[in-house]
């Protein structure tokens, strides 16, 4: 990337843009506001579903385009519209769930679905099997049988084994899946996430960049976990926060300060102050 300002800024949310209190700091909010005021697009690229974007929008005071569900969903938070969604079909979901339950006995299954908007009441957004133990507080799930979890297309299949690390789960499952799905994780707390083949934050960000007329070399992207690595590799400059997973740091062009020490803002302030 040249010394000139980037033409697009993309940031992960959890562990990167927000602090340990899950809030946008004043310094980060001001840095993003400077980016937006200059006419440069700022987009979110997150594992979160669209329905979990609103608190970030409130914290930023700005409603950006968002790459959600690890690249499977492009969401316009300003108009509350899902612009596109790449789903796992029912046959693939069934096949993946059967393999997961065989390779990871006792695993819990959940599926993330999406409708026309963030809170589309016509579509149960997050469904889970009775054996699924949630990795976060206050889950907003609908419980159903394992067969029902995979009975409709989904943007993500989530597999949970609390007693294992997420990396160990990937190591066990990935060889059995091949290229039929993309496997990643955003926490090492026994949770892995499966998307349609070829769907990553990089593929989602590439769609947004094309929509905005920006080449990948003109993107600066920020992240902290393995699900951010494809995006960090795509961008002209990939930046990991200091608290990032070692693999994310290794993929990045540079490492900035931690998420709780305004690492994203400190990089943005080089170009926007």
C-alpha atoms as a PDB file:
ATOM      1  CA  UNK A   1       0.000   0.000   0.000  1.00  0.00           C
ATOM      2  CA  UNK A   2       1.285   3.481  -0.844  1.00  0.00           C
ATOM      3  CA  UNK A   3       1.690   6.153   1.852  1.00  0.00           C
ATOM      4  CA  UNK A   4      -1.606   7.624   0.640  1.00  0.00           C
ATOM      5  CA  UNK A   5      -4.753   7.055   2.601  1.00  0.00           C
ATOM      6  CA  UNK A   6      -6.501   3.695   2.134  1.00  0.00           C
ATOM      7  CA  UNK A   7      -9.646   3.740   0.041  1.00  0.00           C
ATOM      8  CA  UNK A   8     -11.540   1.368   2.335  1.00  0.00           C
ATOM      9  CA  UNK A   9     -11.246   0.501   6.029  1.00  0.00           C
ATOM     10  CA  UNK A  10     -12.591  -2.832   7.300  1.00  0.00           C
ATOM     11  CA  UNK A  11     -12.585  -3.981  10.893  1.00  0.00           C
ATOM     12  CA  UNK A  12     -13.550  -7.019  12.879  1.00  0.00           C
ATOM     13  CA  UNK A  13     -15.659  -6.215  15.943  1.00  0.00           C
ATOM     14  CA  UNK A  14     -15.132  -8.505  18.924  1.00  0.00           C
ATOM     15  CA  UNK A  15     -11.580  -8.530  20.223  1.00  0.00           C
ATOM     16  CA  UNK A  16     -10.567  -5.863  17.712  1.00  0.00           C
ATOM     17  CA  UNK A  17     -12.756  -2.758  17.427  1.00  0.00           C
ATOM     18  CA  UNK A  18     -14.451  -2.980  20.817  1.00  0.00           C
ATOM     19  CA  UNK A  19     -12.851  -3.214  24.239  1.00  0.00           C
ATOM     20  CA  UNK A  20     -13.251  -5.781  26.977  1.00  0.00           C
ATOM     21  CA  UNK A  21     -16.406  -3.943  28.089  1.00  0.00           C
ATOM     22  CA  UNK A  22     -17.873  -4.594  24.604  1.00  0.00           C
ATOM     23  CA  UNK A  23     -18.108  -0.863  23.940  1.00  0.00           C
ATOM     24  CA  UNK A  24     -16.625   1.479  21.350  1.00  0.00           C
ATOM     25  CA  UNK A  25     -14.180   3.831  23.078  1.00  0.00           C
ATOM     26  CA  UNK A  26     -14.383   7.584  22.490  1.00  0.00           C
ATOM     27  CA  UNK A  27     -11.014   7.536  20.737  1.00  0.00           C
ATOM     28  CA  UNK A  28     -12.032   4.759  18.373  1.00  0.00           C
ATOM     29  CA  UNK A  29     -15.387   6.412  17.655  1.00  0.00           C
ATOM     30  CA  UNK A  30     -13.613   9.676  16.805  1.00  0.00           C
ATOM     31  CA  UNK A  31     -11.102   7.913  14.552  1.00  0.00           C
ATOM     32  CA  UNK A  32     -13.873   6.161  12.625  1.00  0.00           C
ATOM     33  CA  UNK A  33     -15.812   9.425  12.387  1.00  0.00           C
ATOM     34  CA  UNK A  34     -12.753  11.053  10.778  1.00  0.00           C
ATOM     35  CA  UNK A  35     -12.536   8.224   8.238  1.00  0.00           C
ATOM     36  CA  UNK A  36     -16.205   8.576   7.325  1.00  0.00           C
ATOM     37  CA  UNK A  37     -16.061  12.380   7.196  1.00  0.00           C
ATOM     38  CA  UNK A  38     -13.248  12.145   4.648  1.00  0.00           C
ATOM     39  CA  UNK A  39     -15.495  10.145   2.321  1.00  0.00           C
ATOM     40  CA  UNK A  40     -13.656   6.853   2.866  1.00  0.00           C
ATOM     41  CA  UNK A  41     -15.965   3.897   3.492  1.00  0.00           C
ATOM     42  CA  UNK A  42     -15.657   2.153   6.851  1.00  0.00           C
ATOM     43  CA  UNK A  43     -17.174  -1.330   6.987  1.00  0.00           C
ATOM     44  CA  UNK A  44     -17.522  -3.988   9.634  1.00  0.00           C
ATOM     45  CA  UNK A  45     -16.349  -7.536   8.951  1.00  0.00           C
ATOM     46  CA  UNK A  46     -17.534  -9.814  11.715  1.00  0.00           C
ATOM     47  CA  UNK A  47     -18.700 -13.256  12.681  1.00  0.00           C
ATOM     48  CA  UNK A  48     -21.751 -11.596  14.219  1.00  0.00           C
ATOM     49  CA  UNK A  49     -25.146 -11.984  12.540  1.00  0.00           C
ATOM     50  CA  UNK A  50     -26.982  -8.838  11.384  1.00  0.00           C
ATOM     51  CA  UNK A  51     -29.160  -8.774  14.515  1.00  0.00           C
ATOM     52  CA  UNK A  52     -26.036  -8.177  16.644  1.00  0.00           C
ATOM     53  CA  UNK A  53     -24.829  -5.183  14.624  1.00  0.00           C
ATOM     54  CA  UNK A  54     -27.101  -2.532  16.137  1.00  0.00           C
ATOM     55  CA  UNK A  55     -25.089  -2.077  19.393  1.00  0.00           C
ATOM     56  CA  UNK A  56     -21.975  -1.436  17.289  1.00  0.00           C
ATOM     57  CA  UNK A  57     -23.848   1.084  15.146  1.00  0.00           C
ATOM     58  CA  UNK A  58     -24.995   2.864  18.298  1.00  0.00           C
ATOM     59  CA  UNK A  59     -21.447   2.957  19.641  1.00  0.00           C
ATOM     60  CA  UNK A  60     -20.013   4.289  16.393  1.00  0.00           C
ATOM     61  CA  UNK A  61     -22.778   6.786  15.715  1.00  0.00           C
ATOM     62  CA  UNK A  62     -22.552   5.556  12.121  1.00  0.00           C
ATOM     63  CA  UNK A  63     -24.424   2.823  10.244  1.00  0.00           C
ATOM     64  CA  UNK A  64     -21.953   1.047   7.954  1.00  0.00           C
ATOM     65  CA  UNK A  65     -22.181  -1.750   5.472  1.00  0.00           C
ATOM     66  CA  UNK A  66     -21.331  -4.952   7.315  1.00  0.00           C
ATOM     67  CA  UNK A  67     -19.847  -8.258   6.268  1.00  0.00           C
ATOM     68  CA  UNK A  68     -21.607 -10.583   8.720  1.00  0.00           C
ATOM     69  CA  UNK A  69     -21.492 -14.282   9.603  1.00  0.00           C
ATOM     70  CA  UNK A  70     -17.850 -14.620   8.552  1.00  0.00           C
ATOM     71  CA  UNK A  71     -18.529 -13.378   5.041  1.00  0.00           C
ATOM     72  CA  UNK A  72     -21.801 -15.159   4.332  1.00  0.00           C
ATOM     73  CA  UNK A  73     -24.023 -12.089   4.690  1.00  0.00           C
ATOM     74  CA  UNK A  74     -23.709  -8.550   3.353  1.00  0.00           C
ATOM     75  CA  UNK A  75     -25.882  -6.287   5.475  1.00  0.00           C
ATOM     76  CA  UNK A  76     -26.750  -2.609   5.096  1.00  0.00           C
ATOM     77  CA  UNK A  77     -27.206  -1.456   8.690  1.00  0.00           C
ATOM     78  CA  UNK A  78     -28.459   1.966   7.592  1.00  0.00           C
ATOM     79  CA  UNK A  79     -31.496   0.602   5.742  1.00  0.00           C
ATOM     80  CA  UNK A  80     -31.684  -2.641   7.774  1.00  0.00           C
ATOM     81  CA  UNK A  81     -31.525  -4.763   4.627  1.00  0.00           C
ATOM     82  CA  UNK A  82     -29.744  -8.032   3.964  1.00  0.00           C
ATOM     83  CA  UNK A  83     -28.187  -7.427   0.553  1.00  0.00           C
ATOM     84  CA  UNK A  84     -26.943 -10.956  -0.057  1.00  0.00           C
ATOM     85  CA  UNK A  85     -26.561 -14.272   1.735  1.00  0.00           C
ATOM     86  CA  UNK A  86     -24.501 -17.355   0.878  1.00  0.00           C
ATOM     87  CA  UNK A  87     -26.031 -20.388   2.537  1.00  0.00           C
ATOM     88  CA  UNK A  88     -25.265 -24.012   3.247  1.00  0.00           C
ATOM     89  CA  UNK A  89     -28.027 -26.080   1.637  1.00  0.00           C
ATOM     90  CA  UNK A  90     -29.958 -28.718   3.562  1.00  0.00           C
ATOM     91  CA  UNK A  91     -28.127 -31.669   2.006  1.00  0.00           C
ATOM     92  CA  UNK A  92     -24.753 -30.169   2.921  1.00  0.00           C
ATOM     93  CA  UNK A  93     -25.913 -29.248   6.425  1.00  0.00           C
ATOM     94  CA  UNK A  94     -27.154 -32.795   6.986  1.00  0.00           C
ATOM     95  CA  UNK A  95     -23.898 -34.289   5.704  1.00  0.00           C
ATOM     96  CA  UNK A  96     -21.788 -31.944   7.846  1.00  0.00           C
ATOM     97  CA  UNK A  97     -23.838 -32.597  10.972  1.00  0.00           C
ATOM     98  CA  UNK A  98     -23.546 -36.371  10.552  1.00  0.00           C
ATOM     99  CA  UNK A  99     -19.777 -36.131  10.197  1.00  0.00           C
ATOM    100  CA  UNK A 100     -19.473 -33.721  13.120  1.00  0.00           C
ATOM    101  CA  UNK A 101     -21.474 -35.974  15.450  1.00  0.00           C
ATOM    102  CA  UNK A 102     -19.371 -38.963  14.428  1.00  0.00           C
ATOM    103  CA  UNK A 103     -15.969 -37.240  14.727  1.00  0.00           C
ATOM    104  CA  UNK A 104     -16.890 -35.147  17.784  1.00  0.00           C
ATOM    105  CA  UNK A 105     -19.181 -37.349  19.909  1.00  0.00           C
ATOM    106  CA  UNK A 106     -21.505 -35.388  22.154  1.00  0.00           C
ATOM    107  CA  UNK A 107     -21.168 -32.184  20.131  1.00  0.00           C
ATOM    108  CA  UNK A 108     -24.005 -29.692  20.157  1.00  0.00           C
ATOM    109  CA  UNK A 109     -25.289 -28.239  16.885  1.00  0.00           C
ATOM    110  CA  UNK A 110     -26.695 -24.831  16.056  1.00  0.00           C
ATOM    111  CA  UNK A 111     -27.477 -22.967  12.850  1.00  0.00           C
ATOM    112  CA  UNK A 112     -27.504 -19.280  12.030  1.00  0.00           C
ATOM    113  CA  UNK A 113     -30.174 -18.297   9.524  1.00  0.00           C
ATOM    114  CA  UNK A 114     -31.000 -14.956   7.978  1.00  0.00           C
ATOM    115  CA  UNK A 115     -34.071 -13.236   6.606  1.00  0.00           C
ATOM    116  CA  UNK A 116     -34.633  -9.994   4.728  1.00  0.00           C
ATOM    117  CA  UNK A 117     -33.654  -7.813   7.687  1.00  0.00           C
ATOM    118  CA  UNK A 118     -31.791  -8.094  10.979  1.00  0.00           C
ATOM    119  CA  UNK A 119     -34.861  -9.065  12.987  1.00  0.00           C
ATOM    120  CA  UNK A 120     -36.997 -10.762  10.351  1.00  0.00           C
ATOM    121  CA  UNK A 121     -39.735 -12.350  12.445  1.00  0.00           C
ATOM    122  CA  UNK A 122     -40.620 -14.731   9.633  1.00  0.00           C
ATOM    123  CA  UNK A 123     -37.268 -16.516   9.984  1.00  0.00           C
ATOM    124  CA  UNK A 124     -36.056 -18.154  13.237  1.00  0.00           C
ATOM    125  CA  UNK A 125     -32.625 -16.550  13.288  1.00  0.00           C
ATOM    126  CA  UNK A 126     -30.655 -18.857  15.587  1.00  0.00           C
ATOM    127  CA  UNK A 127     -31.689 -22.455  16.193  1.00  0.00           C
ATOM    128  CA  UNK A 128     -29.933 -25.004  18.378  1.00  0.00           C
ATOM    129  CA  UNK A 129     -30.214 -28.643  19.394  1.00  0.00           C
ATOM    130  CA  UNK A 130     -30.979 -29.612  23.006  1.00  0.00           C
ATOM    131  CA  UNK A 131     -27.330 -30.638  23.538  1.00  0.00           C
ATOM    132  CA  UNK A 132     -25.889 -27.307  22.436  1.00  0.00           C
ATOM    133  CA  UNK A 133     -24.134 -25.371  25.237  1.00  0.00           C
ATOM    134  CA  UNK A 134     -23.909 -21.679  24.380  1.00  0.00           C
ATOM    135  CA  UNK A 135     -20.535 -19.942  24.283  1.00  0.00           C
ATOM    136  CA  UNK A 136     -21.968 -16.566  25.305  1.00  0.00           C
ATOM    137  CA  UNK A 137     -24.393 -15.162  27.853  1.00  0.00           C
ATOM    138  CA  UNK A 138     -28.056 -14.406  27.111  1.00  0.00           C
ATOM    139  CA  UNK A 139     -28.425 -16.517  23.951  1.00  0.00           C
ATOM    140  CA  UNK A 140     -31.361 -15.691  21.686  1.00  0.00           C
ATOM    141  CA  UNK A 141     -31.879 -19.194  20.386  1.00  0.00           C
ATOM    142  CA  UNK A 142     -34.854 -21.327  19.441  1.00  0.00           C
ATOM    143  CA  UNK A 143     -34.323 -24.914  20.608  1.00  0.00           C
ATOM    144  CA  UNK A 144     -35.333 -27.764  18.308  1.00  0.00           C
ATOM    145  CA  UNK A 145     -34.244 -31.282  17.401  1.00  0.00           C
ATOM    146  CA  UNK A 146     -30.948 -31.950  15.619  1.00  0.00           C
ATOM    147  CA  UNK A 147     -32.858 -32.862  12.457  1.00  0.00           C
ATOM    148  CA  UNK A 148     -34.796 -29.583  12.565  1.00  0.00           C
ATOM    149  CA  UNK A 149     -31.602 -27.548  13.070  1.00  0.00           C
ATOM    150  CA  UNK A 150     -30.368 -28.641   9.650  1.00  0.00           C
ATOM    151  CA  UNK A 151     -33.779 -28.661   7.933  1.00  0.00           C
ATOM    152  CA  UNK A 152     -33.447 -25.191   6.374  1.00  0.00           C
ATOM    153  CA  UNK A 153     -30.583 -23.373   4.624  1.00  0.00           C
ATOM    154  CA  UNK A 154     -28.217 -21.588   7.006  1.00  0.00           C
ATOM    155  CA  UNK A 155     -25.400 -19.074   6.696  1.00  0.00           C
ATOM    156  CA  UNK A 156     -23.451 -20.870   9.432  1.00  0.00           C
ATOM    157  CA  UNK A 157     -23.419 -24.245  11.145  1.00  0.00           C
ATOM    158  CA  UNK A 158     -21.995 -23.984  14.648  1.00  0.00           C
ATOM    159  CA  UNK A 159     -20.518 -26.968  16.474  1.00  0.00           C
ATOM    160  CA  UNK A 160     -19.864 -26.827  20.199  1.00  0.00           C
ATOM    161  CA  UNK A 161     -17.725 -29.069  22.423  1.00  0.00           C
ATOM    162  CA  UNK A 162     -16.932 -27.087  25.593  1.00  0.00           C
ATOM    163  CA  UNK A 163     -14.339 -29.614  26.775  1.00  0.00           C
ATOM    164  CA  UNK A 164     -12.151 -29.119  23.680  1.00  0.00           C
ATOM    165  CA  UNK A 165     -10.259 -26.176  22.251  1.00  0.00           C
ATOM    166  CA  UNK A 166     -11.585 -24.794  18.995  1.00  0.00           C
ATOM    167  CA  UNK A 167      -8.262 -25.548  17.290  1.00  0.00           C
ATOM    168  CA  UNK A 168      -8.445 -29.198  18.358  1.00  0.00           C
ATOM    169  CA  UNK A 169     -11.968 -29.379  16.962  1.00  0.00           C
ATOM    170  CA  UNK A 170     -10.821 -27.958  13.619  1.00  0.00           C
ATOM    171  CA  UNK A 171      -7.887 -30.383  13.510  1.00  0.00           C
ATOM    172  CA  UNK A 172     -10.236 -33.315  14.101  1.00  0.00           C
ATOM    173  CA  UNK A 173     -13.030 -32.304  11.724  1.00  0.00           C
ATOM    174  CA  UNK A 174     -11.425 -30.459   8.810  1.00  0.00           C
ATOM    175  CA  UNK A 175      -9.786 -33.537   7.190  1.00  0.00           C
ATOM    176  CA  UNK A 176     -13.219 -35.165   6.871  1.00  0.00           C
ATOM    177  CA  UNK A 177     -14.833 -32.135   5.231  1.00  0.00           C
ATOM    178  CA  UNK A 178     -12.350 -31.234   2.533  1.00  0.00           C
ATOM    179  CA  UNK A 179     -13.577 -28.370   0.348  1.00  0.00           C
ATOM    180  CA  UNK A 180     -17.266 -28.928   0.905  1.00  0.00           C
ATOM    181  CA  UNK A 181     -17.359 -26.213   3.601  1.00  0.00           C
ATOM    182  CA  UNK A 182     -15.094 -23.582   5.139  1.00  0.00           C
ATOM    183  CA  UNK A 183     -14.205 -24.171   8.791  1.00  0.00           C
ATOM    184  CA  UNK A 184     -12.950 -21.495  11.172  1.00  0.00           C
ATOM    185  CA  UNK A 185     -13.271 -20.161  14.705  1.00  0.00           C
ATOM    186  CA  UNK A 186     -13.481 -16.795  16.439  1.00  0.00           C
ATOM    187  CA  UNK A 187     -13.010 -18.037  20.004  1.00  0.00           C
ATOM    188  CA  UNK A 188     -10.866 -20.883  21.287  1.00  0.00           C
ATOM    189  CA  UNK A 189     -13.602 -21.877  23.718  1.00  0.00           C
ATOM    190  CA  UNK A 190     -14.749 -25.075  22.032  1.00  0.00           C
ATOM    191  CA  UNK A 191     -16.777 -23.510  19.219  1.00  0.00           C
ATOM    192  CA  UNK A 192     -16.199 -23.829  15.479  1.00  0.00           C
ATOM    193  CA  UNK A 193     -18.160 -22.283  12.618  1.00  0.00           C
ATOM    194  CA  UNK A 194     -18.804 -23.780   9.184  1.00  0.00           C
ATOM    195  CA  UNK A 195     -19.784 -21.746   6.120  1.00  0.00           C
ATOM    196  CA  UNK A 196     -20.437 -22.620   2.500  1.00  0.00           C
ATOM    197  CA  UNK A 197     -17.329 -23.547   0.545  1.00  0.00           C
ATOM    198  CA  UNK A 198     -15.256 -20.500  -0.348  1.00  0.00           C
ATOM    199  CA  UNK A 199     -17.130 -18.209   2.027  1.00  0.00           C
ATOM    200  CA  UNK A 200     -14.842 -16.247   4.346  1.00  0.00           C
ATOM    201  CA  UNK A 201     -14.500 -12.681   5.522  1.00  0.00           C
ATOM    202  CA  UNK A 202     -12.236 -12.189   2.491  1.00  0.00           C
ATOM    203  CA  UNK A 203     -14.943 -13.257   0.029  1.00  0.00           C
ATOM    204  CA  UNK A 204     -17.500 -11.022   1.737  1.00  0.00           C
ATOM    205  CA  UNK A 205     -15.147  -8.058   1.893  1.00  0.00           C
ATOM    206  CA  UNK A 206     -14.266  -8.552  -1.773  1.00  0.00           C
ATOM    207  CA  UNK A 207     -17.973  -8.229  -2.650  1.00  0.00           C
ATOM    208  CA  UNK A 208     -18.257  -5.010  -0.662  1.00  0.00           C
ATOM    209  CA  UNK A 209     -15.070  -3.620  -2.197  1.00  0.00           C
ATOM    210  CA  UNK A 210     -16.357  -4.384  -5.690  1.00  0.00           C
ATOM    211  CA  UNK A 211     -19.654  -2.697  -4.834  1.00  0.00           C
ATOM    212  CA  UNK A 212     -17.719   0.397  -3.711  1.00  0.00           C
ATOM    213  CA  UNK A 213     -15.260   0.337  -6.608  1.00  0.00           C
ATOM    214  CA  UNK A 214     -12.201  -0.296  -4.434  1.00  0.00           C
ATOM    215  CA  UNK A 215      -9.355  -2.692  -5.228  1.00  0.00           C
ATOM    216  CA  UNK A 216      -8.069  -5.029  -2.528  1.00  0.00           C
ATOM    217  CA  UNK A 217      -4.671  -3.327  -2.529  1.00  0.00           C
ATOM    218  CA  UNK A 218      -6.352  -0.141  -1.281  1.00  0.00           C
ATOM    219  CA  UNK A 219      -7.943  -1.802   1.769  1.00  0.00           C
ATOM    220  CA  UNK A 220      -6.667  -1.689   5.341  1.00  0.00           C
ATOM    221  CA  UNK A 221      -8.226  -4.430   7.483  1.00  0.00           C
ATOM    222  CA  UNK A 222      -8.078  -5.163  11.211  1.00  0.00           C
ATOM    223  CA  UNK A 223      -8.610  -8.459  13.031  1.00  0.00           C
ATOM    224  CA  UNK A 224      -7.651 -10.753  15.881  1.00  0.00           C
ATOM    225  CA  UNK A 225      -8.695 -14.368  15.273  1.00  0.00           C
ATOM    226  CA  UNK A 226      -8.303 -17.156  12.684  1.00  0.00           C
ATOM    227  CA  UNK A 227     -11.596 -16.186  11.020  1.00  0.00           C
ATOM    228  CA  UNK A 228      -9.924 -12.842  10.201  1.00  0.00           C
ATOM    229  CA  UNK A 229      -6.883 -14.352   8.463  1.00  0.00           C
ATOM    230  CA  UNK A 230      -8.382 -14.538   4.931  1.00  0.00           C
ATOM    231  CA  UNK A 231      -9.365 -10.857   5.208  1.00  0.00           C
ATOM    232  CA  UNK A 232      -5.939  -9.841   6.525  1.00  0.00           C
ATOM    233  CA  UNK A 233      -4.361 -11.647   3.566  1.00  0.00           C
ATOM    234  CA  UNK A 234      -6.735 -10.010   1.065  1.00  0.00           C
ATOM    235  CA  UNK A 235      -6.151  -6.439   2.208  1.00  0.00           C
ATOM    236  CA  UNK A 236      -3.324  -4.286   0.967  1.00  0.00           C
ATOM    237  CA  UNK A 237      -2.473  -3.830   4.633  1.00  0.00           C
ATOM    238  CA  UNK A 238      -3.617  -6.344   7.222  1.00  0.00           C
ATOM    239  CA  UNK A 239      -3.321  -5.273  10.842  1.00  0.00           C
ATOM    240  CA  UNK A 240      -3.653  -7.530  13.895  1.00  0.00           C
ATOM    241  CA  UNK A 241      -4.186  -6.212  17.394  1.00  0.00           C
ATOM    242  CA  UNK A 242      -1.630  -7.163  20.051  1.00  0.00           C
ATOM    243  CA  UNK A 243      -4.124  -9.463  21.800  1.00  0.00           C
ATOM    244  CA  UNK A 244      -4.673 -11.427  18.562  1.00  0.00           C
ATOM    245  CA  UNK A 245      -4.293 -15.165  18.071  1.00  0.00           C
ATOM    246  CA  UNK A 246      -0.705 -16.019  17.045  1.00  0.00           C
ATOM    247  CA  UNK A 247      -1.847 -17.185  13.602  1.00  0.00           C
ATOM    248  CA  UNK A 248      -3.610 -13.865  12.965  1.00  0.00           C
ATOM    249  CA  UNK A 249      -0.482 -11.968  13.986  1.00  0.00           C
ATOM    250  CA  UNK A 250       1.606 -14.101  11.645  1.00  0.00           C
ATOM    251  CA  UNK A 251      -0.751 -13.315   8.742  1.00  0.00           C
ATOM    252  CA  UNK A 252      -0.758  -9.567   9.367  1.00  0.00           C
ATOM    253  CA  UNK A 253       1.530  -6.946   7.863  1.00  0.00           C
ATOM    254  CA  UNK A 254       1.766  -5.263  11.247  1.00  0.00           C
ATOM    255  CA  UNK A 255       0.646  -5.584  14.843  1.00  0.00           C
ATOM    256  CA  UNK A 256      -0.912  -2.616  16.611  1.00  0.00           C
ATOM    257  CA  UNK A 257      -1.885  -2.090  20.251  1.00  0.00           C
ATOM    258  CA  UNK A 258      -4.543  -4.203  21.951  1.00  0.00           C
ATOM    259  CA  UNK A 259      -8.270  -3.729  21.419  1.00  0.00           C
ATOM    260  CA  UNK A 260      -8.605  -2.202  24.911  1.00  0.00           C
ATOM    261  CA  UNK A 261      -5.771   0.234  24.134  1.00  0.00           C
ATOM    262  CA  UNK A 262      -7.400   1.594  20.941  1.00  0.00           C
ATOM    263  CA  UNK A 263      -5.188  -0.355  18.558  1.00  0.00           C
ATOM    264  CA  UNK A 264      -7.446   0.295  15.552  1.00  0.00           C
ATOM    265  CA  UNK A 265      -7.641   4.021  16.274  1.00  0.00           C
ATOM    266  CA  UNK A 266      -3.868   4.313  16.613  1.00  0.00           C
ATOM    267  CA  UNK A 267      -3.395   3.035  13.071  1.00  0.00           C
ATOM    268  CA  UNK A 268      -6.232   5.075  11.565  1.00  0.00           C
ATOM    269  CA  UNK A 269      -4.830   8.261  13.119  1.00  0.00           C
ATOM    270  CA  UNK A 270      -1.801   7.982  10.831  1.00  0.00           C
ATOM    271  CA  UNK A 271      -4.051   9.004   7.941  1.00  0.00           C
ATOM    272  CA  UNK A 272      -6.952  10.679   9.700  1.00  0.00           C
ATOM    273  CA  UNK A 273      -6.413  12.961  12.678  1.00  0.00           C
END
